[in-house]
Amino acid sequence: MNIDVDIIDGRLVARLRRLNDPVSSHSAARELVESGHYGKQCTGVLLALVDNPGVTSRELADISGIDLAVLFRRLPDLEKGGVVSRGTIRKCKSGNRLATTWNATL
């Protein structure tokens, strides 16, 4: 599901973007946003990253307990919103592979 993220009046705002996605994806995205789950996920990821700067997605999952799939989706959304940025690439302590680190930009 593809959601575009903007910052309007200091708030993250999600909106549907791709017209060629199947109807089921639009429905699921709309439900995620309208239920408040999307905002809660974004807030949780951002707060975890504020507390743990310079970690990889897998390290953040291990530290915070946030599902890795949620991190894989929300970190790029938050990056588009300008509140997180990609850092250096280094060997991940959790995955033992090269991985990108993330930082909050607030």
PDB file of N, CA and C in Angstrom:
ATOM      1  N   MET A   1       0.844  -1.164   0.000  1.00  0.00           N
ATOM      2  CA  MET A   1       0.000   0.000   0.000  1.00  0.00           C
ATOM      3  C   MET A   1       0.885   1.222   0.000  1.00  0.00           C
ATOM      4  N   ASN A   2       0.615   2.141  -0.857  1.00  0.00           N
ATOM      5  CA  ASN A   2       1.457   3.317  -1.014  1.00  0.00           C
ATOM      6  C   ASN A   2       0.738   4.540  -0.492  1.00  0.00           C
ATOM      7  N   ILE A   3       1.381   5.178   0.472  1.00  0.00           N
ATOM      8  CA  ILE A   3       0.828   6.372   1.077  1.00  0.00           C
ATOM      9  C   ILE A   3       1.868   7.461   0.936  1.00  0.00           C
ATOM     10  N   ASP A   4       1.455   8.624   0.496  1.00  0.00           N
ATOM     11  CA  ASP A   4       2.352   9.761   0.398  1.00  0.00           C
ATOM     12  C   ASP A   4       2.241  10.533   1.704  1.00  0.00           C
ATOM     13  N   VAL A   5       3.342  11.095   2.150  1.00  0.00           N
ATOM     14  CA  VAL A   5       3.367  11.790   3.429  1.00  0.00           C
ATOM     15  C   VAL A   5       3.818  13.223   3.214  1.00  0.00           C
ATOM     16  N   ASP A   6       3.129  14.142   3.839  1.00  0.00           N
ATOM     17  CA  ASP A   6       3.490  15.552   3.820  1.00  0.00           C
ATOM     18  C   ASP A   6       3.493  16.058   5.256  1.00  0.00           C
ATOM     19  N   ILE A   7       4.154  17.174   5.466  1.00  0.00           N
ATOM     20  CA  ILE A   7       4.050  17.860   6.752  1.00  0.00           C
ATOM     21  C   ILE A   7       3.287  19.149   6.497  1.00  0.00           C
ATOM     22  N   ILE A   8       2.152  19.279   7.166  1.00  0.00           N
ATOM     23  CA  ILE A   8       1.301  20.454   7.035  1.00  0.00           C
ATOM     24  C   ILE A   8       1.081  21.012   8.432  1.00  0.00           C
ATOM     25  N   ASP A   9       1.414  22.264   8.629  1.00  0.00           N
ATOM     26  CA  ASP A   9       1.288  22.911   9.938  1.00  0.00           C
ATOM     27  C   ASP A   9       1.979  22.106  11.034  1.00  0.00           C
ATOM     28  N   GLY A  10       3.147  21.542  10.718  1.00  0.00           N
ATOM     29  CA  GLY A  10       3.918  20.805  11.706  1.00  0.00           C
ATOM     30  C   GLY A  10       3.416  19.412  12.015  1.00  0.00           C
ATOM     31  N   ARG A  11       2.415  18.929  11.265  1.00  0.00           N
ATOM     32  CA  ARG A  11       1.883  17.592  11.504  1.00  0.00           C
ATOM     33  C   ARG A  11       2.132  16.712  10.292  1.00  0.00           C
ATOM     34  N   LEU A  12       2.420  15.423  10.553  1.00  0.00           N
ATOM     35  CA  LEU A  12       2.515  14.470   9.453  1.00  0.00           C
ATOM     36  C   LEU A  12       1.116  14.194   8.938  1.00  0.00           C
ATOM     37  N   VAL A  13       0.932  14.300   7.640  1.00  0.00           N
ATOM     38  CA  VAL A  13      -0.363  14.033   7.029  1.00  0.00           C
ATOM     39  C   VAL A  13      -0.168  12.990   5.938  1.00  0.00           C
ATOM     40  N   ALA A  14      -0.922  11.913   6.020  1.00  0.00           N
ATOM     41  CA  ALA A  14      -0.825  10.848   5.028  1.00  0.00           C
ATOM     42  C   ALA A  14      -1.962  10.982   4.030  1.00  0.00           C
ATOM     43  N   ARG A  15      -1.669  10.653   2.776  1.00  0.00           N
ATOM     44  CA  ARG A  15      -2.724  10.656   1.768  1.00  0.00           C
ATOM     45  C   ARG A  15      -2.422   9.573   0.738  1.00  0.00           C
ATOM     46  N   LEU A  16      -3.460   9.075   0.133  1.00  0.00           N
ATOM     47  CA  LEU A  16      -3.299   8.059  -0.899  1.00  0.00           C
ATOM     48  C   LEU A  16      -2.680   8.685  -2.122  1.00  0.00           C
ATOM     49  N   ARG A  17      -1.911   7.906  -2.879  1.00  0.00           N
ATOM     50  CA  ARG A  17      -1.161   8.504  -3.970  1.00  0.00           C
ATOM     51  C   ARG A  17      -1.358   7.822  -5.317  1.00  0.00           C
ATOM     52  N   ARG A  18      -1.095   6.524  -5.419  1.00  0.00           N
ATOM     53  CA  ARG A  18      -1.001   5.889  -6.730  1.00  0.00           C
ATOM     54  C   ARG A  18      -2.361   5.432  -7.252  1.00  0.00           C
ATOM     55  N   LEU A  19      -2.716   5.943  -8.388  1.00  0.00           N
ATOM     56  CA  LEU A  19      -4.004   5.605  -8.989  1.00  0.00           C
ATOM     57  C   LEU A  19      -4.026   4.205  -9.567  1.00  0.00           C
ATOM     58  N   ASN A  20      -2.860   3.645  -9.886  1.00  0.00           N
ATOM     59  CA  ASN A  20      -2.837   2.322 -10.520  1.00  0.00           C
ATOM     60  C   ASN A  20      -2.802   1.178  -9.511  1.00  0.00           C
ATOM     61  N   ASP A  21      -2.821   1.460  -8.211  1.00  0.00           N
ATOM     62  CA  ASP A  21      -2.893   0.400  -7.209  1.00  0.00           C
ATOM     63  C   ASP A  21      -4.279  -0.246  -7.257  1.00  0.00           C
ATOM     64  N   PRO A  22      -4.353  -1.527  -6.899  1.00  0.00           N
ATOM     65  CA  PRO A  22      -5.668  -2.184  -6.880  1.00  0.00           C
ATOM     66  C   PRO A  22      -6.594  -1.539  -5.842  1.00  0.00           C
ATOM     67  N   VAL A  23      -7.869  -1.688  -6.060  1.00  0.00           N
ATOM     68  CA  VAL A  23      -8.879  -1.126  -5.161  1.00  0.00           C
ATOM     69  C   VAL A  23      -8.656  -1.616  -3.730  1.00  0.00           C
ATOM     70  N   SER A  24      -8.280  -2.876  -3.576  1.00  0.00           N
ATOM     71  CA  SER A  24      -8.074  -3.430  -2.238  1.00  0.00           C
ATOM     72  C   SER A  24      -6.946  -2.698  -1.505  1.00  0.00           C
ATOM     73  N   SER A  25      -5.922  -2.283  -2.222  1.00  0.00           N
ATOM     74  CA  SER A  25      -4.821  -1.546  -1.594  1.00  0.00           C
ATOM     75  C   SER A  25      -5.268  -0.155  -1.155  1.00  0.00           C
ATOM     76  N   HIS A  26      -6.078   0.500  -1.998  1.00  0.00           N
ATOM     77  CA  HIS A  26      -6.600   1.811  -1.618  1.00  0.00           C
ATOM     78  C   HIS A  26      -7.487   1.694  -0.377  1.00  0.00           C
ATOM     79  N   SER A  27      -8.305   0.655  -0.349  1.00  0.00           N
ATOM     80  CA  SER A  27      -9.201   0.435   0.782  1.00  0.00           C
ATOM     81  C   SER A  27      -8.404   0.174   2.060  1.00  0.00           C
ATOM     82  N   ALA A  28      -7.399  -0.668   1.975  1.00  0.00           N
ATOM     83  CA  ALA A  28      -6.579  -0.983   3.150  1.00  0.00           C
ATOM     84  C   ALA A  28      -5.825   0.249   3.640  1.00  0.00           C
ATOM     85  N   ALA A  29      -5.285   1.032   2.715  1.00  0.00           N
ATOM     86  CA  ALA A  29      -4.559   2.245   3.089  1.00  0.00           C
ATOM     87  C   ALA A  29      -5.493   3.249   3.753  1.00  0.00           C
ATOM     88  N   ARG A  30      -6.664   3.416   3.174  1.00  0.00           N
ATOM     89  CA  ARG A  30      -7.644   4.351   3.738  1.00  0.00           C
ATOM     90  C   ARG A  30      -8.028   3.924   5.154  1.00  0.00           C
ATOM     91  N   GLU A  31      -8.261   2.634   5.343  1.00  0.00           N
ATOM     92  CA  GLU A  31      -8.627   2.117   6.664  1.00  0.00           C
ATOM     93  C   GLU A  31      -7.488   2.323   7.667  1.00  0.00           C
ATOM     94  N   LEU A  32      -6.255   2.094   7.236  1.00  0.00           N
ATOM     95  CA  LEU A  32      -5.091   2.279   8.100  1.00  0.00           C
ATOM     96  C   LEU A  32      -4.997   3.724   8.571  1.00  0.00           C
ATOM     97  N   VAL A  33      -5.208   4.653   7.657  1.00  0.00           N
ATOM     98  CA  VAL A  33      -5.124   6.080   7.993  1.00  0.00           C
ATOM     99  C   VAL A  33      -6.317   6.500   8.848  1.00  0.00           C
ATOM    100  N   GLU A  34      -7.533   6.156   8.424  1.00  0.00           N
ATOM    101  CA  GLU A  34      -8.731   6.605   9.121  1.00  0.00           C
ATOM    102  C   GLU A  34      -8.858   6.015  10.515  1.00  0.00           C
ATOM    103  N   SER A  35      -8.337   4.821  10.724  1.00  0.00           N
ATOM    104  CA  SER A  35      -8.412   4.181  12.039  1.00  0.00           C
ATOM    105  C   SER A  35      -7.422   4.787  13.037  1.00  0.00           C
ATOM    106  N   GLY A  36      -6.466   5.547  12.515  1.00  0.00           N
ATOM    107  CA  GLY A  36      -5.448   6.125  13.379  1.00  0.00           C
ATOM    108  C   GLY A  36      -4.216   5.246  13.538  1.00  0.00           C
ATOM    109  N   HIS A  37      -4.256   4.034  13.013  1.00  0.00           N
ATOM    110  CA  HIS A  37      -3.118   3.122  13.146  1.00  0.00           C
ATOM    111  C   HIS A  37      -1.879   3.657  12.429  1.00  0.00           C
ATOM    112  N   TYR A  38      -2.074   4.272  11.288  1.00  0.00           N
ATOM    113  CA  TYR A  38      -0.936   4.809  10.536  1.00  0.00           C
ATOM    114  C   TYR A  38      -0.213   5.866  11.370  1.00  0.00           C
ATOM    115  N   GLY A  39      -0.959   6.788  11.929  1.00  0.00           N
ATOM    116  CA  GLY A  39      -0.366   7.836  12.754  1.00  0.00           C
ATOM    117  C   GLY A  39       0.324   7.276  13.985  1.00  0.00           C
ATOM    118  N   LYS A  40      -0.300   6.276  14.609  1.00  0.00           N
ATOM    119  CA  LYS A  40       0.301   5.647  15.786  1.00  0.00           C
ATOM    120  C   LYS A  40       1.599   4.937  15.413  1.00  0.00           C
ATOM    121  N   GLN A  41       1.601   4.254  14.266  1.00  0.00           N
ATOM    122  CA  GLN A  41       2.817   3.583  13.820  1.00  0.00           C
ATOM    123  C   GLN A  41       3.926   4.603  13.556  1.00  0.00           C
ATOM    124  N   CYS A  42       3.599   5.675  12.855  1.00  0.00           N
ATOM    125  CA  CYS A  42       4.593   6.710  12.558  1.00  0.00           C
ATOM    126  C   CYS A  42       5.139   7.327  13.837  1.00  0.00           C
ATOM    127  N   THR A  43       4.265   7.636  14.771  1.00  0.00           N
ATOM    128  CA  THR A  43       4.688   8.229  16.033  1.00  0.00           C
ATOM    129  C   THR A  43       5.579   7.279  16.812  1.00  0.00           C
ATOM    130  N   GLY A  44       5.195   6.019  16.874  1.00  0.00           N
ATOM    131  CA  GLY A  44       5.990   5.027  17.593  1.00  0.00           C
ATOM    132  C   GLY A  44       7.372   4.853  16.999  1.00  0.00           C
ATOM    133  N   VAL A  45       7.434   4.792  15.672  1.00  0.00           N
ATOM    134  CA  VAL A  45       8.720   4.641  14.988  1.00  0.00           C
ATOM    135  C   VAL A  45       9.581   5.879  15.230  1.00  0.00           C
ATOM    136  N   LEU A  46       9.000   7.050  15.103  1.00  0.00           N
ATOM    137  CA  LEU A  46       9.754   8.288  15.291  1.00  0.00           C
ATOM    138  C   LEU A  46      10.285   8.404  16.718  1.00  0.00           C
ATOM    139  N   LEU A  47       9.457   8.125  17.705  1.00  0.00           N
ATOM    140  CA  LEU A  47       9.903   8.200  19.100  1.00  0.00           C
ATOM    141  C   LEU A  47      11.003   7.190  19.394  1.00  0.00           C
ATOM    142  N   ALA A  48      10.873   5.984  18.844  1.00  0.00           N
ATOM    143  CA  ALA A  48      11.914   4.970  19.036  1.00  0.00           C
ATOM    144  C   ALA A  48      13.229   5.421  18.411  1.00  0.00           C
ATOM    145  N   LEU A  49      13.144   6.085  17.266  1.00  0.00           N
ATOM    146  CA  LEU A  49      14.347   6.559  16.587  1.00  0.00           C
ATOM    147  C   LEU A  49      14.973   7.749  17.321  1.00  0.00           C
ATOM    148  N   VAL A  50      14.143   8.603  17.907  1.00  0.00           N
ATOM    149  CA  VAL A  50      14.668   9.716  18.700  1.00  0.00           C
ATOM    150  C   VAL A  50      15.485   9.173  19.875  1.00  0.00           C
ATOM    151  N   ASP A  51      14.990   8.098  20.487  1.00  0.00           N
ATOM    152  CA  ASP A  51      15.678   7.490  21.625  1.00  0.00           C
ATOM    153  C   ASP A  51      16.888   6.653  21.218  1.00  0.00           C
ATOM    154  N   ASN A  52      16.971   6.271  19.943  1.00  0.00           N
ATOM    155  CA  ASN A  52      18.034   5.372  19.470  1.00  0.00           C
ATOM    156  C   ASN A  52      18.585   5.841  18.130  1.00  0.00           C
ATOM    157  N   PRO A  53      19.241   6.985  18.092  1.00  0.00           N
ATOM    158  CA  PRO A  53      19.743   7.495  16.811  1.00  0.00           C
ATOM    159  C   PRO A  53      20.854   6.621  16.247  1.00  0.00           C
ATOM    160  N   GLY A  54      20.927   6.598  14.918  1.00  0.00           N
ATOM    161  CA  GLY A  54      22.025   5.909  14.250  1.00  0.00           C
ATOM    162  C   GLY A  54      21.921   4.407  14.225  1.00  0.00           C
ATOM    163  N   VAL A  55      20.698   3.873  14.349  1.00  0.00           N
ATOM    164  CA  VAL A  55      20.511   2.423  14.314  1.00  0.00           C
ATOM    165  C   VAL A  55      19.965   1.987  12.958  1.00  0.00           C
ATOM    166  N   THR A  56      20.134   0.720  12.653  1.00  0.00           N
ATOM    167  CA  THR A  56      19.548   0.152  11.443  1.00  0.00           C
ATOM    168  C   THR A  56      18.103  -0.244  11.740  1.00  0.00           C
ATOM    169  N   SER A  57      17.354  -0.547  10.711  1.00  0.00           N
ATOM    170  CA  SER A  57      15.963  -0.972  10.894  1.00  0.00           C
ATOM    171  C   SER A  57      15.876  -2.201  11.782  1.00  0.00           C
ATOM    172  N   ARG A  58      16.723  -3.177  11.529  1.00  0.00           N
ATOM    173  CA  ARG A  58      16.696  -4.428  12.301  1.00  0.00           C
ATOM    174  C   ARG A  58      17.089  -4.177  13.761  1.00  0.00           C
ATOM    175  N   GLU A  59      18.075  -3.321  13.990  1.00  0.00           N
ATOM    176  CA  GLU A  59      18.459  -2.985  15.361  1.00  0.00           C
ATOM    177  C   GLU A  59      17.317  -2.279  16.074  1.00  0.00           C
ATOM    178  N   LEU A  60      16.648  -1.361  15.368  1.00  0.00           N
ATOM    179  CA  LEU A  60      15.521  -0.645  15.958  1.00  0.00           C
ATOM    180  C   LEU A  60      14.390  -1.614  16.298  1.00  0.00           C
ATOM    181  N   ALA A  61      14.161  -2.595  15.443  1.00  0.00           N
ATOM    182  CA  ALA A  61      13.139  -3.606  15.723  1.00  0.00           C
ATOM    183  C   ALA A  61      13.497  -4.378  16.992  1.00  0.00           C
ATOM    184  N   ASP A  62      14.741  -4.777  17.120  1.00  0.00           N
ATOM    185  CA  ASP A  62      15.177  -5.525  18.300  1.00  0.00           C
ATOM    186  C   ASP A  62      15.070  -4.689  19.573  1.00  0.00           C
ATOM    187  N   ILE A  63      15.456  -3.419  19.485  1.00  0.00           N
ATOM    188  CA  ILE A  63      15.456  -2.532  20.653  1.00  0.00           C
ATOM    189  C   ILE A  63      14.034  -2.161  21.069  1.00  0.00           C
ATOM    190  N   SER A  64      13.210  -1.813  20.089  1.00  0.00           N
ATOM    191  CA  SER A  64      11.896  -1.226  20.376  1.00  0.00           C
ATOM    192  C   SER A  64      10.754  -2.233  20.420  1.00  0.00           C
ATOM    193  N   GLY A  65      10.942  -3.370  19.780  1.00  0.00           N
ATOM    194  CA  GLY A  65       9.848  -4.332  19.690  1.00  0.00           C
ATOM    195  C   GLY A  65       8.877  -4.038  18.552  1.00  0.00           C
ATOM    196  N   ILE A  66       9.153  -3.008  17.766  1.00  0.00           N
ATOM    197  CA  ILE A  66       8.308  -2.689  16.618  1.00  0.00           C
ATOM    198  C   ILE A  66       8.602  -3.709  15.524  1.00  0.00           C
ATOM    199  N   ASP A  67       7.558  -4.224  14.902  1.00  0.00           N
ATOM    200  CA  ASP A  67       7.709  -5.220  13.850  1.00  0.00           C
ATOM    201  C   ASP A  67       8.564  -4.669  12.716  1.00  0.00           C
ATOM    202  N   LEU A  68       9.473  -5.489  12.218  1.00  0.00           N
ATOM    203  CA  LEU A  68      10.383  -5.066  11.163  1.00  0.00           C
ATOM    204  C   LEU A  68       9.635  -4.624   9.911  1.00  0.00           C
ATOM    205  N   ALA A  69       8.531  -5.290   9.578  1.00  0.00           N
ATOM    206  CA  ALA A  69       7.739  -4.908   8.403  1.00  0.00           C
ATOM    207  C   ALA A  69       7.179  -3.495   8.557  1.00  0.00           C
ATOM    208  N   VAL A  70       6.769  -3.130   9.769  1.00  0.00           N
ATOM    209  CA  VAL A  70       6.274  -1.772  10.023  1.00  0.00           C
ATOM    210  C   VAL A  70       7.405  -0.770   9.802  1.00  0.00           C
ATOM    211  N   LEU A  71       8.595  -1.088  10.299  1.00  0.00           N
ATOM    212  CA  LEU A  71       9.735  -0.190  10.114  1.00  0.00           C
ATOM    213  C   LEU A  71      10.090  -0.032   8.640  1.00  0.00           C
ATOM    214  N   PHE A  72      10.057  -1.135   7.897  1.00  0.00           N
ATOM    215  CA  PHE A  72      10.377  -1.072   6.466  1.00  0.00           C
ATOM    216  C   PHE A  72       9.407  -0.163   5.720  1.00  0.00           C
ATOM    217  N   ARG A  73       8.173  -0.059   6.200  1.00  0.00           N
ATOM    218  CA  ARG A  73       7.179   0.793   5.533  1.00  0.00           C
ATOM    219  C   ARG A  73       7.212   2.226   6.045  1.00  0.00           C
ATOM    220  N   ARG A  74       7.294   2.397   7.363  1.00  0.00           N
ATOM    221  CA  ARG A  74       7.150   3.731   7.949  1.00  0.00           C
ATOM    222  C   ARG A  74       8.411   4.583   7.879  1.00  0.00           C
ATOM    223  N   LEU A  75       9.601   3.983   7.969  1.00  0.00           N
ATOM    224  CA  LEU A  75      10.808   4.808   7.890  1.00  0.00           C
ATOM    225  C   LEU A  75      10.888   5.578   6.571  1.00  0.00           C
ATOM    226  N   PRO A  76      10.649   4.955   5.407  1.00  0.00           N
ATOM    227  CA  PRO A  76      10.633   5.749   4.173  1.00  0.00           C
ATOM    228  C   PRO A  76       9.515   6.800   4.144  1.00  0.00           C
ATOM    229  N   ASP A  77       8.354   6.479   4.738  1.00  0.00           N
ATOM    230  CA  ASP A  77       7.274   7.470   4.820  1.00  0.00           C
ATOM    231  C   ASP A  77       7.728   8.673   5.641  1.00  0.00           C
ATOM    232  N   LEU A  78       8.355   8.406   6.782  1.00  0.00           N
ATOM    233  CA  LEU A  78       8.840   9.489   7.637  1.00  0.00           C
ATOM    234  C   LEU A  78       9.970  10.267   6.968  1.00  0.00           C
ATOM    235  N   GLU A  79      10.764   9.572   6.168  1.00  0.00           N
ATOM    236  CA  GLU A  79      11.818  10.253   5.410  1.00  0.00           C
ATOM    237  C   GLU A  79      11.195  11.218   4.399  1.00  0.00           C
ATOM    238  N   LYS A  80      10.162  10.778   3.702  1.00  0.00           N
ATOM    239  CA  LYS A  80       9.467  11.660   2.758  1.00  0.00           C
ATOM    240  C   LYS A  80       8.872  12.869   3.479  1.00  0.00           C
ATOM    241  N   GLY A  81       8.457  12.653   4.714  1.00  0.00           N
ATOM    242  CA  GLY A  81       7.904  13.740   5.507  1.00  0.00           C
ATOM    243  C   GLY A  81       8.960  14.660   6.093  1.00  0.00           C
ATOM    244  N   GLY A  82      10.228  14.296   5.939  1.00  0.00           N
ATOM    245  CA  GLY A  82      11.319  15.148   6.387  1.00  0.00           C
ATOM    246  C   GLY A  82      11.657  15.061   7.860  1.00  0.00           C
ATOM    247  N   VAL A  83      11.144  14.060   8.562  1.00  0.00           N
ATOM    248  CA  VAL A  83      11.412  13.970   9.998  1.00  0.00           C
ATOM    249  C   VAL A  83      12.436  12.907  10.356  1.00  0.00           C
ATOM    250  N   VAL A  84      12.819  12.066   9.391  1.00  0.00           N
ATOM    251  CA  VAL A  84      13.943  11.150   9.585  1.00  0.00           C
ATOM    252  C   VAL A  84      14.815  11.202   8.333  1.00  0.00           C
ATOM    253  N   SER A  85      16.070  10.797   8.504  1.00  0.00           N
ATOM    254  CA  SER A  85      16.972  10.754   7.362  1.00  0.00           C
ATOM    255  C   SER A  85      17.840   9.514   7.446  1.00  0.00           C
ATOM    256  N   ARG A  86      18.308   9.099   6.278  1.00  0.00           N
ATOM    257  CA  ARG A  86      19.222   7.972   6.222  1.00  0.00           C
ATOM    258  C   ARG A  86      20.603   8.451   6.655  1.00  0.00           C
ATOM    259  N   GLY A  87      21.286   7.596   7.397  1.00  0.00           N
ATOM    260  CA  GLY A  87      22.630   7.918   7.852  1.00  0.00           C
ATOM    261  C   GLY A  87      23.658   7.125   7.061  1.00  0.00           C
ATOM    262  N   THR A  88      24.643   6.668   7.764  1.00  0.00           N
ATOM    263  CA  THR A  88      25.733   5.919   7.140  1.00  0.00           C
ATOM    264  C   THR A  88      25.327   4.475   6.899  1.00  0.00           C
ATOM    265  N   ILE A  89      26.105   3.811   6.086  1.00  0.00           N
ATOM    266  CA  ILE A  89      25.942   2.366   5.885  1.00  0.00           C
ATOM    267  C   ILE A  89      27.042   1.688   6.687  1.00  0.00           C
ATOM    268  N   ARG A  90      26.644   0.733   7.516  1.00  0.00           N
ATOM    269  CA  ARG A  90      27.602   0.007   8.339  1.00  0.00           C
ATOM    270  C   ARG A  90      27.086  -1.409   8.589  1.00  0.00           C
ATOM    271  N   LYS A  91      27.909  -2.216   9.208  1.00  0.00           N
ATOM    272  CA  LYS A  91      27.504  -3.583   9.514  1.00  0.00           C
ATOM    273  C   LYS A  91      26.481  -3.553  10.644  1.00  0.00           C
ATOM    274  N   CYS A  92      25.339  -4.144  10.403  1.00  0.00           N
ATOM    275  CA  CYS A  92      24.254  -4.189  11.377  1.00  0.00           C
ATOM    276  C   CYS A  92      24.618  -5.163  12.498  1.00  0.00           C
ATOM    277  N   LYS A  93      24.434  -4.746  13.741  1.00  0.00           N
ATOM    278  CA  LYS A  93      24.736  -5.588  14.893  1.00  0.00           C
ATOM    279  C   LYS A  93      23.738  -6.739  15.015  1.00  0.00           C
ATOM    280  N   SER A  94      22.533  -6.548  14.511  1.00  0.00           N
ATOM    281  CA  SER A  94      21.505  -7.571  14.610  1.00  0.00           C
ATOM    282  C   SER A  94      21.504  -8.511  13.409  1.00  0.00           C
ATOM    283  N   GLY A  95      21.714  -7.961  12.221  1.00  0.00           N
ATOM    284  CA  GLY A  95      21.635  -8.772  11.012  1.00  0.00           C
ATOM    285  C   GLY A  95      22.979  -9.199  10.464  1.00  0.00           C
ATOM    286  N   ASN A  96      24.051  -8.616  10.999  1.00  0.00           N
ATOM    287  CA  ASN A  96      25.412  -8.972  10.593  1.00  0.00           C
ATOM    288  C   ASN A  96      25.670  -8.742   9.108  1.00  0.00           C
ATOM    289  N   ARG A  97      24.955  -7.784   8.515  1.00  0.00           N
ATOM    290  CA  ARG A  97      25.134  -7.397   7.107  1.00  0.00           C
ATOM    291  C   ARG A  97      25.239  -5.888   7.037  1.00  0.00           C
ATOM    292  N   LEU A  98      25.703  -5.405   5.894  1.00  0.00           N
ATOM    293  CA  LEU A  98      25.708  -3.957   5.686  1.00  0.00           C
ATOM    294  C   LEU A  98      24.276  -3.456   5.624  1.00  0.00           C
ATOM    295  N   ALA A  99      24.028  -2.366   6.318  1.00  0.00           N
ATOM    296  CA  ALA A  99      22.676  -1.795   6.345  1.00  0.00           C
ATOM    297  C   ALA A  99      22.767  -0.288   6.581  1.00  0.00           C
ATOM    298  N   THR A 100      21.727   0.403   6.164  1.00  0.00           N
ATOM    299  CA  THR A 100      21.626   1.844   6.331  1.00  0.00           C
ATOM    300  C   THR A 100      21.165   2.158   7.758  1.00  0.00           C
ATOM    301  N   THR A 101      21.765   3.176   8.339  1.00  0.00           N
ATOM    302  CA  THR A 101      21.306   3.656   9.642  1.00  0.00           C
ATOM    303  C   THR A 101      20.281   4.774   9.437  1.00  0.00           C
ATOM    304  N   TRP A 102      19.507   5.045  10.468  1.00  0.00           N
ATOM    305  CA  TRP A 102      18.458   6.063  10.417  1.00  0.00           C
ATOM    306  C   TRP A 102      18.597   7.025  11.585  1.00  0.00           C
ATOM    307  N   ASN A 103      18.215   8.276  11.362  1.00  0.00           N
ATOM    308  CA  ASN A 103      18.245   9.307  12.400  1.00  0.00           C
ATOM    309  C   ASN A 103      17.010  10.192  12.309  1.00  0.00           C
ATOM    310  N   ALA A 104      16.523  10.608  13.470  1.00  0.00           N
ATOM    311  CA  ALA A 104      15.452  11.596  13.504  1.00  0.00           C
ATOM    312  C   ALA A 104      16.059  12.956  13.181  1.00  0.00           C
ATOM    313  N   THR A 105      15.319  13.784  12.480  1.00  0.00           N
ATOM    314  CA  THR A 105      15.837  15.099  12.089  1.00  0.00           C
ATOM    315  C   THR A 105      15.095  16.230  12.800  1.00  0.00           C
ATOM    316  N   LEU A 106      14.377  15.914  13.838  1.00  0.00           N
ATOM    317  CA  LEU A 106      13.601  16.927  14.566  1.00  0.00           C
ATOM    318  C   LEU A 106      14.503  17.856  15.336  1.00  0.00           C
TER     319      LEU A 106
END
